[in-house]
Amino acid sequence: MTGIIIIISVLSILLIGSGIFAIVTKNLLHAVIATGVISLALSVLFFLLHAPDVALTEAAIGVALTTIIFIIAIRNTTEKEDDGKRVKKTDKPEVNKVN
């Protein structure tokens, strides 16, 4: 019984830490990965609390599907947000031409 309480405490600290990191970080990819970690920790927590159906759903939707959709969306649109301005990811750097 004490081992489960320790595991739940560690998972709770991981959830809080990942949530704070997802809010604070400027890199959107790191934020999406942090939310994936939150979903993974929640699915383990649901399993330990004897809710295997909820744990399986959270693992399938929260960890896998949502994270993949967010990563595809970030890859196709922007990479970072900088002070409220969106920065587009380009393949070629812009060169100022002097005439």
PDB file of N, CA and C in Angstrom:
ATOM      1  N   MET A   1       0.817  -1.194   0.000  1.00  0.00           N
ATOM      2  CA  MET A   1       0.000   0.000   0.000  1.00  0.00           C
ATOM      3  C   MET A   1       0.861   1.258   0.000  1.00  0.00           C
ATOM      4  N   THR A   2       1.942   1.242   0.745  1.00  0.00           N
ATOM      5  CA  THR A   2       2.815   2.416   0.800  1.00  0.00           C
ATOM      6  C   THR A   2       3.511   2.653  -0.523  1.00  0.00           C
ATOM      7  N   GLY A   3       3.829   1.581  -1.251  1.00  0.00           N
ATOM      8  CA  GLY A   3       4.488   1.726  -2.551  1.00  0.00           C
ATOM      9  C   GLY A   3       3.606   2.440  -3.559  1.00  0.00           C
ATOM     10  N   ILE A   4       2.316   2.169  -3.535  1.00  0.00           N
ATOM     11  CA  ILE A   4       1.386   2.820  -4.455  1.00  0.00           C
ATOM     12  C   ILE A   4       1.274   4.309  -4.120  1.00  0.00           C
ATOM     13  N   ILE A   5       1.281   4.638  -2.834  1.00  0.00           N
ATOM     14  CA  ILE A   5       1.213   6.048  -2.432  1.00  0.00           C
ATOM     15  C   ILE A   5       2.453   6.793  -2.905  1.00  0.00           C
ATOM     16  N   ILE A   6       3.604   6.160  -2.834  1.00  0.00           N
ATOM     17  CA  ILE A   6       4.842   6.791  -3.312  1.00  0.00           C
ATOM     18  C   ILE A   6       4.786   6.991  -4.826  1.00  0.00           C
ATOM     19  N   ILE A   7       4.314   5.994  -5.565  1.00  0.00           N
ATOM     20  CA  ILE A   7       4.209   6.105  -7.023  1.00  0.00           C
ATOM     21  C   ILE A   7       3.224   7.203  -7.411  1.00  0.00           C
ATOM     22  N   ILE A   8       2.088   7.277  -6.717  1.00  0.00           N
ATOM     23  CA  ILE A   8       1.101   8.327  -7.000  1.00  0.00           C
ATOM     24  C   ILE A   8       1.676   9.695  -6.687  1.00  0.00           C
ATOM     25  N   SER A   9       2.460   9.801  -5.618  1.00  0.00           N
ATOM     26  CA  SER A   9       3.091  11.081  -5.274  1.00  0.00           C
ATOM     27  C   SER A   9       4.098  11.503  -6.341  1.00  0.00           C
ATOM     28  N   VAL A  10       4.899  10.561  -6.818  1.00  0.00           N
ATOM     29  CA  VAL A  10       5.876  10.865  -7.864  1.00  0.00           C
ATOM     30  C   VAL A  10       5.172  11.273  -9.154  1.00  0.00           C
ATOM     31  N   LEU A  11       4.107  10.554  -9.506  1.00  0.00           N
ATOM     32  CA  LEU A  11       3.338  10.907 -10.709  1.00  0.00           C
ATOM     33  C   LEU A  11       2.695  12.283 -10.575  1.00  0.00           C
ATOM     34  N   SER A  12       2.227  12.624  -9.377  1.00  0.00           N
ATOM     35  CA  SER A  12       1.631  13.947  -9.164  1.00  0.00           C
ATOM     36  C   SER A  12       2.661  15.054  -9.327  1.00  0.00           C
ATOM     37  N   ILE A  13       3.855  14.845  -8.814  1.00  0.00           N
ATOM     38  CA  ILE A  13       4.931  15.828  -8.978  1.00  0.00           C
ATOM     39  C   ILE A  13       5.319  15.946 -10.448  1.00  0.00           C
ATOM     40  N   LEU A  14       5.369  14.816 -11.160  1.00  0.00           N
ATOM     41  CA  LEU A  14       5.659  14.830 -12.593  1.00  0.00           C
ATOM     42  C   LEU A  14       4.582  15.589 -13.368  1.00  0.00           C
ATOM     43  N   LEU A  15       3.326  15.405 -13.001  1.00  0.00           N
ATOM     44  CA  LEU A  15       2.229  16.117 -13.652  1.00  0.00           C
ATOM     45  C   LEU A  15       2.353  17.624 -13.443  1.00  0.00           C
ATOM     46  N   ILE A  16       2.616  18.041 -12.220  1.00  0.00           N
ATOM     47  CA  ILE A  16       2.738  19.468 -11.931  1.00  0.00           C
ATOM     48  C   ILE A  16       3.945  20.062 -12.643  1.00  0.00           C
ATOM     49  N   GLY A  17       5.076  19.360 -12.603  1.00  0.00           N
ATOM     50  CA  GLY A  17       6.284  19.853 -13.270  1.00  0.00           C
ATOM     51  C   GLY A  17       6.120  19.952 -14.778  1.00  0.00           C
ATOM     52  N   SER A  18       5.516  18.948 -15.385  1.00  0.00           N
ATOM     53  CA  SER A  18       5.297  18.983 -16.834  1.00  0.00           C
ATOM     54  C   SER A  18       4.308  20.073 -17.227  1.00  0.00           C
ATOM     55  N   GLY A  19       3.292  20.277 -16.398  1.00  0.00           N
ATOM     56  CA  GLY A  19       2.330  21.340 -16.676  1.00  0.00           C
ATOM     57  C   GLY A  19       2.960  22.718 -16.618  1.00  0.00           C
ATOM     58  N   ILE A  20       3.775  22.947 -15.613  1.00  0.00           N
ATOM     59  CA  ILE A  20       4.470  24.237 -15.512  1.00  0.00           C
ATOM     60  C   ILE A  20       5.428  24.413 -16.678  1.00  0.00           C
ATOM     61  N   PHE A  21       6.154  23.351 -17.035  1.00  0.00           N
ATOM     62  CA  PHE A  21       7.089  23.449 -18.164  1.00  0.00           C
ATOM     63  C   PHE A  21       6.351  23.740 -19.470  1.00  0.00           C
ATOM     64  N   ALA A  22       5.201  23.113 -19.676  1.00  0.00           N
ATOM     65  CA  ALA A  22       4.428  23.345 -20.901  1.00  0.00           C
ATOM     66  C   ALA A  22       3.940  24.781 -20.991  1.00  0.00           C
ATOM     67  N   ILE A  23       3.633  25.393 -19.865  1.00  0.00           N
ATOM     68  CA  ILE A  23       3.165  26.778 -19.863  1.00  0.00           C
ATOM     69  C   ILE A  23       4.316  27.757 -20.054  1.00  0.00           C
ATOM     70  N   VAL A  24       5.457  27.493 -19.449  1.00  0.00           N
ATOM     71  CA  VAL A  24       6.563  28.449 -19.416  1.00  0.00           C
ATOM     72  C   VAL A  24       7.399  28.437 -20.693  1.00  0.00           C
ATOM     73  N   THR A  25       7.571  27.290 -21.319  1.00  0.00           N
ATOM     74  CA  THR A  25       8.490  27.180 -22.444  1.00  0.00           C
ATOM     75  C   THR A  25       8.006  27.961 -23.669  1.00  0.00           C
ATOM     76  N   LYS A  26       8.957  28.507 -24.428  1.00  0.00           N
ATOM     77  CA  LYS A  26       8.641  29.246 -25.657  1.00  0.00           C
ATOM     78  C   LYS A  26       8.586  28.320 -26.875  1.00  0.00           C
ATOM     79  N   ASN A  27       9.271  27.193 -26.805  1.00  0.00           N
ATOM     80  CA  ASN A  27       9.308  26.267 -27.922  1.00  0.00           C
ATOM     81  C   ASN A  27       8.032  25.426 -27.923  1.00  0.00           C
ATOM     82  N   LEU A  28       7.269  25.519 -28.984  1.00  0.00           N
ATOM     83  CA  LEU A  28       5.989  24.822 -29.047  1.00  0.00           C
ATOM     84  C   LEU A  28       6.151  23.307 -29.080  1.00  0.00           C
ATOM     85  N   LEU A  29       7.206  22.821 -29.711  1.00  0.00           N
ATOM     86  CA  LEU A  29       7.422  21.377 -29.760  1.00  0.00           C
ATOM     87  C   LEU A  29       7.685  20.822 -28.362  1.00  0.00           C
ATOM     88  N   HIS A  30       8.463  21.544 -27.567  1.00  0.00           N
ATOM     89  CA  HIS A  30       8.712  21.111 -26.190  1.00  0.00           C
ATOM     90  C   HIS A  30       7.430  21.142 -25.363  1.00  0.00           C
ATOM     91  N   ALA A  31       6.574  22.118 -25.613  1.00  0.00           N
ATOM     92  CA  ALA A  31       5.295  22.196 -24.903  1.00  0.00           C
ATOM     93  C   ALA A  31       4.398  21.016 -25.257  1.00  0.00           C
ATOM     94  N   VAL A  32       4.383  20.634 -26.525  1.00  0.00           N
ATOM     95  CA  VAL A  32       3.565  19.488 -26.940  1.00  0.00           C
ATOM     96  C   VAL A  32       4.098  18.197 -26.330  1.00  0.00           C
ATOM     97  N   ILE A  33       5.403  18.046 -26.284  1.00  0.00           N
ATOM     98  CA  ILE A  33       5.991  16.857 -25.667  1.00  0.00           C
ATOM     99  C   ILE A  33       5.666  16.820 -24.170  1.00  0.00           C
ATOM    100  N   ALA A  34       5.680  17.981 -23.523  1.00  0.00           N
ATOM    101  CA  ALA A  34       5.323  18.039 -22.100  1.00  0.00           C
ATOM    102  C   ALA A  34       3.873  17.642 -21.877  1.00  0.00           C
ATOM    103  N   THR A  35       2.977  18.048 -22.764  1.00  0.00           N
ATOM    104  CA  THR A  35       1.580  17.628 -22.615  1.00  0.00           C
ATOM    105  C   THR A  35       1.418  16.131 -22.891  1.00  0.00           C
ATOM    106  N   GLY A  36       2.257  15.581 -23.757  1.00  0.00           N
ATOM    107  CA  GLY A  36       2.258  14.131 -23.958  1.00  0.00           C
ATOM    108  C   GLY A  36       2.709  13.392 -22.708  1.00  0.00           C
ATOM    109  N   VAL A  37       3.695  13.954 -22.007  1.00  0.00           N
ATOM    110  CA  VAL A  37       4.149  13.366 -20.743  1.00  0.00           C
ATOM    111  C   VAL A  37       3.038  13.441 -19.703  1.00  0.00           C
ATOM    112  N   ILE A  38       2.302  14.554 -19.703  1.00  0.00           N
ATOM    113  CA  ILE A  38       1.167  14.680 -18.780  1.00  0.00           C
ATOM    114  C   ILE A  38       0.136  13.592 -19.060  1.00  0.00           C
ATOM    115  N   SER A  39      -0.190  13.375 -20.315  1.00  0.00           N
ATOM    116  CA  SER A  39      -1.172  12.344 -20.660  1.00  0.00           C
ATOM    117  C   SER A  39      -0.679  10.946 -20.296  1.00  0.00           C
ATOM    118  N   LEU A  40       0.611  10.707 -20.489  1.00  0.00           N
ATOM    119  CA  LEU A  40       1.170   9.401 -20.123  1.00  0.00           C
ATOM    120  C   LEU A  40       1.110   9.176 -18.616  1.00  0.00           C
ATOM    121  N   ALA A  41       1.472  10.197 -17.847  1.00  0.00           N
ATOM    122  CA  ALA A  41       1.420  10.076 -16.389  1.00  0.00           C
ATOM    123  C   ALA A  41      -0.023   9.898 -15.912  1.00  0.00           C
ATOM    124  N   LEU A  42      -0.951  10.593 -16.555  1.00  0.00           N
ATOM    125  CA  LEU A  42      -2.359  10.434 -16.188  1.00  0.00           C
ATOM    126  C   LEU A  42      -2.867   9.032 -16.493  1.00  0.00           C
ATOM    127  N   SER A  43      -2.440   8.466 -17.618  1.00  0.00           N
ATOM    128  CA  SER A  43      -2.897   7.110 -17.938  1.00  0.00           C
ATOM    129  C   SER A  43      -2.354   6.093 -16.928  1.00  0.00           C
ATOM    130  N   VAL A  44      -1.124   6.265 -16.479  1.00  0.00           N
ATOM    131  CA  VAL A  44      -0.578   5.374 -15.445  1.00  0.00           C
ATOM    132  C   VAL A  44      -1.331   5.583 -14.128  1.00  0.00           C
ATOM    133  N   LEU A  45      -1.625   6.847 -13.820  1.00  0.00           N
ATOM    134  CA  LEU A  45      -2.353   7.146 -12.593  1.00  0.00           C
ATOM    135  C   LEU A  45      -3.758   6.548 -12.614  1.00  0.00           C
ATOM    136  N   PHE A  46      -4.444   6.644 -13.736  1.00  0.00           N
ATOM    137  CA  PHE A  46      -5.773   6.034 -13.855  1.00  0.00           C
ATOM    138  C   PHE A  46      -5.696   4.518 -13.705  1.00  0.00           C
ATOM    139  N   PHE A  47      -4.649   3.910 -14.254  1.00  0.00           N
ATOM    140  CA  PHE A  47      -4.496   2.462 -14.124  1.00  0.00           C
ATOM    141  C   PHE A  47      -4.288   2.062 -12.673  1.00  0.00           C
ATOM    142  N   LEU A  48      -3.470   2.846 -11.954  1.00  0.00           N
ATOM    143  CA  LEU A  48      -3.232   2.540 -10.539  1.00  0.00           C
ATOM    144  C   LEU A  48      -4.477   2.750  -9.689  1.00  0.00           C
ATOM    145  N   LEU A  49      -5.371   3.615 -10.143  1.00  0.00           N
ATOM    146  CA  LEU A  49      -6.609   3.864  -9.407  1.00  0.00           C
ATOM    147  C   LEU A  49      -7.737   2.936  -9.854  1.00  0.00           C
ATOM    148  N   HIS A  50      -7.373   1.843 -10.534  1.00  0.00           N
ATOM    149  CA  HIS A  50      -8.298   0.791 -10.960  1.00  0.00           C
ATOM    150  C   HIS A  50      -9.359   1.287 -11.940  1.00  0.00           C
ATOM    151  N   ALA A  51      -8.906   2.078 -12.916  1.00  0.00           N
ATOM    152  CA  ALA A  51      -9.780   2.508 -14.010  1.00  0.00           C
ATOM    153  C   ALA A  51      -9.078   2.206 -15.324  1.00  0.00           C
ATOM    154  N   PRO A  52      -8.965   0.906 -15.678  1.00  0.00           N
ATOM    155  CA  PRO A  52      -8.177   0.549 -16.864  1.00  0.00           C
ATOM    156  C   PRO A  52      -8.791   1.036 -18.178  1.00  0.00           C
ATOM    157  N   ASP A  53     -10.110   1.153 -18.245  1.00  0.00           N
ATOM    158  CA  ASP A  53     -10.731   1.639 -19.472  1.00  0.00           C
ATOM    159  C   ASP A  53     -10.395   3.108 -19.710  1.00  0.00           C
ATOM    160  N   VAL A  54     -10.402   3.903 -18.667  1.00  0.00           N
ATOM    161  CA  VAL A  54     -10.037   5.319 -18.786  1.00  0.00           C
ATOM    162  C   VAL A  54      -8.552   5.452 -19.092  1.00  0.00           C
ATOM    163  N   ALA A  55      -7.728   4.595 -18.477  1.00  0.00           N
ATOM    164  CA  ALA A  55      -6.286   4.635 -18.719  1.00  0.00           C
ATOM    165  C   ALA A  55      -5.967   4.303 -20.176  1.00  0.00           C
ATOM    166  N   LEU A  56      -6.633   3.312 -20.713  1.00  0.00           N
ATOM    167  CA  LEU A  56      -6.407   2.923 -22.106  1.00  0.00           C
ATOM    168  C   LEU A  56      -6.844   4.028 -23.067  1.00  0.00           C
ATOM    169  N   THR A  57      -7.977   4.652 -22.773  1.00  0.00           N
ATOM    170  CA  THR A  57      -8.458   5.747 -23.622  1.00  0.00           C
ATOM    171  C   THR A  57      -7.515   6.940 -23.558  1.00  0.00           C
ATOM    172  N   GLU A  58      -7.043   7.274 -22.359  1.00  0.00           N
ATOM    173  CA  GLU A  58      -6.113   8.396 -22.205  1.00  0.00           C
ATOM    174  C   GLU A  58      -4.801   8.108 -22.923  1.00  0.00           C
ATOM    175  N   ALA A  59      -4.328   6.882 -22.863  1.00  0.00           N
ATOM    176  CA  ALA A  59      -3.083   6.534 -23.544  1.00  0.00           C
ATOM    177  C   ALA A  59      -3.242   6.612 -25.055  1.00  0.00           C
ATOM    178  N   ALA A  60      -4.355   6.120 -25.557  1.00  0.00           N
ATOM    179  CA  ALA A  60      -4.555   6.098 -27.011  1.00  0.00           C
ATOM    180  C   ALA A  60      -4.804   7.494 -27.567  1.00  0.00           C
ATOM    181  N   ILE A  61      -5.663   8.251 -26.931  1.00  0.00           N
ATOM    182  CA  ILE A  61      -6.029   9.565 -27.451  1.00  0.00           C
ATOM    183  C   ILE A  61      -5.046  10.639 -26.983  1.00  0.00           C
ATOM    184  N   GLY A  62      -4.808  10.707 -25.686  1.00  0.00           N
ATOM    185  CA  GLY A  62      -3.978  11.783 -25.134  1.00  0.00           C
ATOM    186  C   GLY A  62      -2.521  11.695 -25.523  1.00  0.00           C
ATOM    187  N   VAL A  63      -1.948  10.515 -25.381  1.00  0.00           N
ATOM    188  CA  VAL A  63      -0.519  10.363 -25.657  1.00  0.00           C
ATOM    189  C   VAL A  63      -0.260  10.258 -27.150  1.00  0.00           C
ATOM    190  N   ALA A  64      -0.971   9.384 -27.820  1.00  0.00           N
ATOM    191  CA  ALA A  64      -0.649   9.093 -29.218  1.00  0.00           C
ATOM    192  C   ALA A  64      -1.279  10.076 -30.189  1.00  0.00           C
ATOM    193  N   LEU A  65      -2.577  10.085 -30.277  1.00  0.00           N
ATOM    194  CA  LEU A  65      -3.260  10.819 -31.344  1.00  0.00           C
ATOM    195  C   LEU A  65      -3.100  12.338 -31.217  1.00  0.00           C
ATOM    196  N   THR A  66      -3.378  12.879 -30.043  1.00  0.00           N
ATOM    197  CA  THR A  66      -3.301  14.328 -29.868  1.00  0.00           C
ATOM    198  C   THR A  66      -1.882  14.846 -30.057  1.00  0.00           C
ATOM    199  N   THR A  67      -0.907  14.149 -29.508  1.00  0.00           N
ATOM    200  CA  THR A  67       0.479  14.583 -29.646  1.00  0.00           C
ATOM    201  C   THR A  67       0.923  14.558 -31.103  1.00  0.00           C
ATOM    202  N   ILE A  68       0.564  13.517 -31.826  1.00  0.00           N
ATOM    203  CA  ILE A  68       0.942  13.427 -33.243  1.00  0.00           C
ATOM    204  C   ILE A  68       0.277  14.534 -34.061  1.00  0.00           C
ATOM    205  N   ILE A  69      -0.993  14.811 -33.802  1.00  0.00           N
ATOM    206  CA  ILE A  69      -1.685  15.874 -34.538  1.00  0.00           C
ATOM    207  C   ILE A  69      -1.054  17.229 -34.247  1.00  0.00           C
ATOM    208  N   PHE A  70      -0.723  17.496 -32.989  1.00  0.00           N
ATOM    209  CA  PHE A  70      -0.079  18.768 -32.651  1.00  0.00           C
ATOM    210  C   PHE A  70       1.296  18.897 -33.302  1.00  0.00           C
ATOM    211  N   ILE A  71       2.070  17.820 -33.316  1.00  0.00           N
ATOM    212  CA  ILE A  71       3.405  17.878 -33.929  1.00  0.00           C
ATOM    213  C   ILE A  71       3.292  18.126 -35.429  1.00  0.00           C
ATOM    214  N   ILE A  72       2.345  17.491 -36.095  1.00  0.00           N
ATOM    215  CA  ILE A  72       2.143  17.729 -37.524  1.00  0.00           C
ATOM    216  C   ILE A  72       1.715  19.176 -37.771  1.00  0.00           C
ATOM    217  N   ALA A  73       0.840  19.697 -36.918  1.00  0.00           N
ATOM    218  CA  ALA A  73       0.383  21.083 -37.078  1.00  0.00           C
ATOM    219  C   ALA A  73       1.525  22.073 -36.860  1.00  0.00           C
ATOM    220  N   ILE A  74       2.369  21.827 -35.874  1.00  0.00           N
ATOM    221  CA  ILE A  74       3.507  22.721 -35.627  1.00  0.00           C
ATOM    222  C   ILE A  74       4.494  22.649 -36.781  1.00  0.00           C
ATOM    223  N   ARG A  75       4.740  21.450 -37.283  1.00  0.00           N
ATOM    224  CA  ARG A  75       5.682  21.293 -38.391  1.00  0.00           C
ATOM    225  C   ARG A  75       5.195  22.034 -39.632  1.00  0.00           C
ATOM    226  N   ASN A  76       3.896  22.048 -39.854  1.00  0.00           N
ATOM    227  CA  ASN A  76       3.362  22.679 -41.054  1.00  0.00           C
ATOM    228  C   ASN A  76       3.103  24.174 -40.907  1.00  0.00           C
ATOM    229  N   THR A  77       3.101  24.701 -39.703  1.00  0.00           N
ATOM    230  CA  THR A  77       2.806  26.128 -39.533  1.00  0.00           C
ATOM    231  C   THR A  77       3.983  26.886 -38.953  1.00  0.00           C
ATOM    232  N   THR A  78       4.134  26.872 -37.649  1.00  0.00           N
ATOM    233  CA  THR A  78       5.177  27.675 -37.001  1.00  0.00           C
ATOM    234  C   THR A  78       6.027  26.814 -36.106  1.00  0.00           C
ATOM    235  N   GLU A  79       7.149  27.378 -35.725  1.00  0.00           N
ATOM    236  CA  GLU A  79       8.024  26.657 -34.815  1.00  0.00           C
ATOM    237  C   GLU A  79       8.020  27.269 -33.424  1.00  0.00           C
ATOM    238  N   LYS A  80       8.052  28.611 -33.342  1.00  0.00           N
ATOM    239  CA  LYS A  80       8.127  29.274 -32.051  1.00  0.00           C
ATOM    240  C   LYS A  80       7.186  30.462 -32.011  1.00  0.00           C
ATOM    241  N   GLU A  81       6.851  30.864 -30.803  1.00  0.00           N
ATOM    242  CA  GLU A  81       6.166  32.119 -30.599  1.00  0.00           C
ATOM    243  C   GLU A  81       7.137  33.014 -29.858  1.00  0.00           C
ATOM    244  N   ASP A  82       7.298  34.245 -30.329  1.00  0.00           N
ATOM    245  CA  ASP A  82       8.235  35.151 -29.702  1.00  0.00           C
ATOM    246  C   ASP A  82       7.512  36.445 -29.362  1.00  0.00           C
ATOM    247  N   ASP A  83       7.214  36.643 -28.080  1.00  0.00           N
ATOM    248  CA  ASP A  83       6.544  37.846 -27.581  1.00  0.00           C
ATOM    249  C   ASP A  83       5.234  38.117 -28.316  1.00  0.00           C
ATOM    250  N   GLY A  84       4.454  37.089 -28.563  1.00  0.00           N
ATOM    251  CA  GLY A  84       3.163  37.253 -29.200  1.00  0.00           C
ATOM    252  C   GLY A  84       3.207  37.296 -30.710  1.00  0.00           C
ATOM    253  N   LYS A  85       4.387  37.334 -31.299  1.00  0.00           N
ATOM    254  CA  LYS A  85       4.515  37.354 -32.753  1.00  0.00           C
ATOM    255  C   LYS A  85       4.871  35.953 -33.220  1.00  0.00           C
ATOM    256  N   ARG A  86       4.232  35.523 -34.274  1.00  0.00           N
ATOM    257  CA  ARG A  86       4.539  34.201 -34.812  1.00  0.00           C
ATOM    258  C   ARG A  86       5.757  34.294 -35.726  1.00  0.00           C
ATOM    259  N   VAL A  87       6.651  33.343 -35.576  1.00  0.00           N
ATOM    260  CA  VAL A  87       7.853  33.271 -36.396  1.00  0.00           C
ATOM    261  C   VAL A  87       7.702  32.086 -37.321  1.00  0.00           C
ATOM    262  N   LYS A  88       7.728  32.335 -38.624  1.00  0.00           N
ATOM    263  CA  LYS A  88       7.577  31.245 -39.584  1.00  0.00           C
ATOM    264  C   LYS A  88       8.902  30.521 -39.769  1.00  0.00           C
ATOM    265  N   LYS A  89       8.791  29.222 -39.942  1.00  0.00           N
ATOM    266  CA  LYS A  89       9.971  28.415 -40.200  1.00  0.00           C
ATOM    267  C   LYS A  89      10.187  28.374 -41.710  1.00  0.00           C
ATOM    268  N   THR A  90      11.345  28.826 -42.151  1.00  0.00           N
ATOM    269  CA  THR A  90      11.647  28.820 -43.581  1.00  0.00           C
ATOM    270  C   THR A  90      12.849  27.931 -43.838  1.00  0.00           C
ATOM    271  N   ASP A  91      12.910  27.409 -45.050  1.00  0.00           N
ATOM    272  CA  ASP A  91      14.026  26.553 -45.417  1.00  0.00           C
ATOM    273  C   ASP A  91      15.252  27.371 -45.798  1.00  0.00           C
ATOM    274  N   LYS A  92      15.019  28.527 -46.410  1.00  0.00           N
ATOM    275  CA  LYS A  92      16.121  29.366 -46.861  1.00  0.00           C
ATOM    276  C   LYS A  92      16.138  30.660 -46.065  1.00  0.00           C
ATOM    277  N   PRO A  93      17.318  31.097 -45.627  1.00  0.00           N
ATOM    278  CA  PRO A  93      17.368  32.386 -44.953  1.00  0.00           C
ATOM    279  C   PRO A  93      17.169  33.530 -45.940  1.00  0.00           C
ATOM    280  N   GLU A  94      16.552  34.586 -45.450  1.00  0.00           N
ATOM    281  CA  GLU A  94      16.327  35.737 -46.318  1.00  0.00           C
ATOM    282  C   GLU A  94      17.623  36.531 -46.457  1.00  0.00           C
ATOM    283  N   VAL A  95      17.933  36.938 -47.679  1.00  0.00           N
ATOM    284  CA  VAL A  95      19.142  37.692 -47.944  1.00  0.00           C
ATOM    285  C   VAL A  95      18.729  39.058 -48.481  1.00  0.00           C
ATOM    286  N   ASN A  96      19.256  40.099 -47.859  1.00  0.00           N
ATOM    287  CA  ASN A  96      18.963  41.444 -48.326  1.00  0.00           C
ATOM    288  C   ASN A  96      19.856  41.756 -49.525  1.00  0.00           C
ATOM    289  N   LYS A  97      19.227  42.096 -50.640  1.00  0.00           N
ATOM    290  CA  LYS A  97      19.981  42.403 -51.843  1.00  0.00           C
ATOM    291  C   LYS A  97      20.163  43.909 -51.942  1.00  0.00           C
ATOM    292  N   VAL A  98      21.367  44.306 -52.280  1.00  0.00           N
ATOM    293  CA  VAL A  98      21.667  45.720 -52.458  1.00  0.00           C
ATOM    294  C   VAL A  98      21.740  45.992 -53.951  1.00  0.00           C
ATOM    295  N   ASN A  99      20.944  46.971 -54.431  1.00  0.00           N
ATOM    296  CA  ASN A  99      20.927  47.301 -55.860  1.00  0.00           C
ATOM    297  C   ASN A  99      21.855  48.421 -56.156  1.00  0.00           C
TER     298      ASN A  99
END
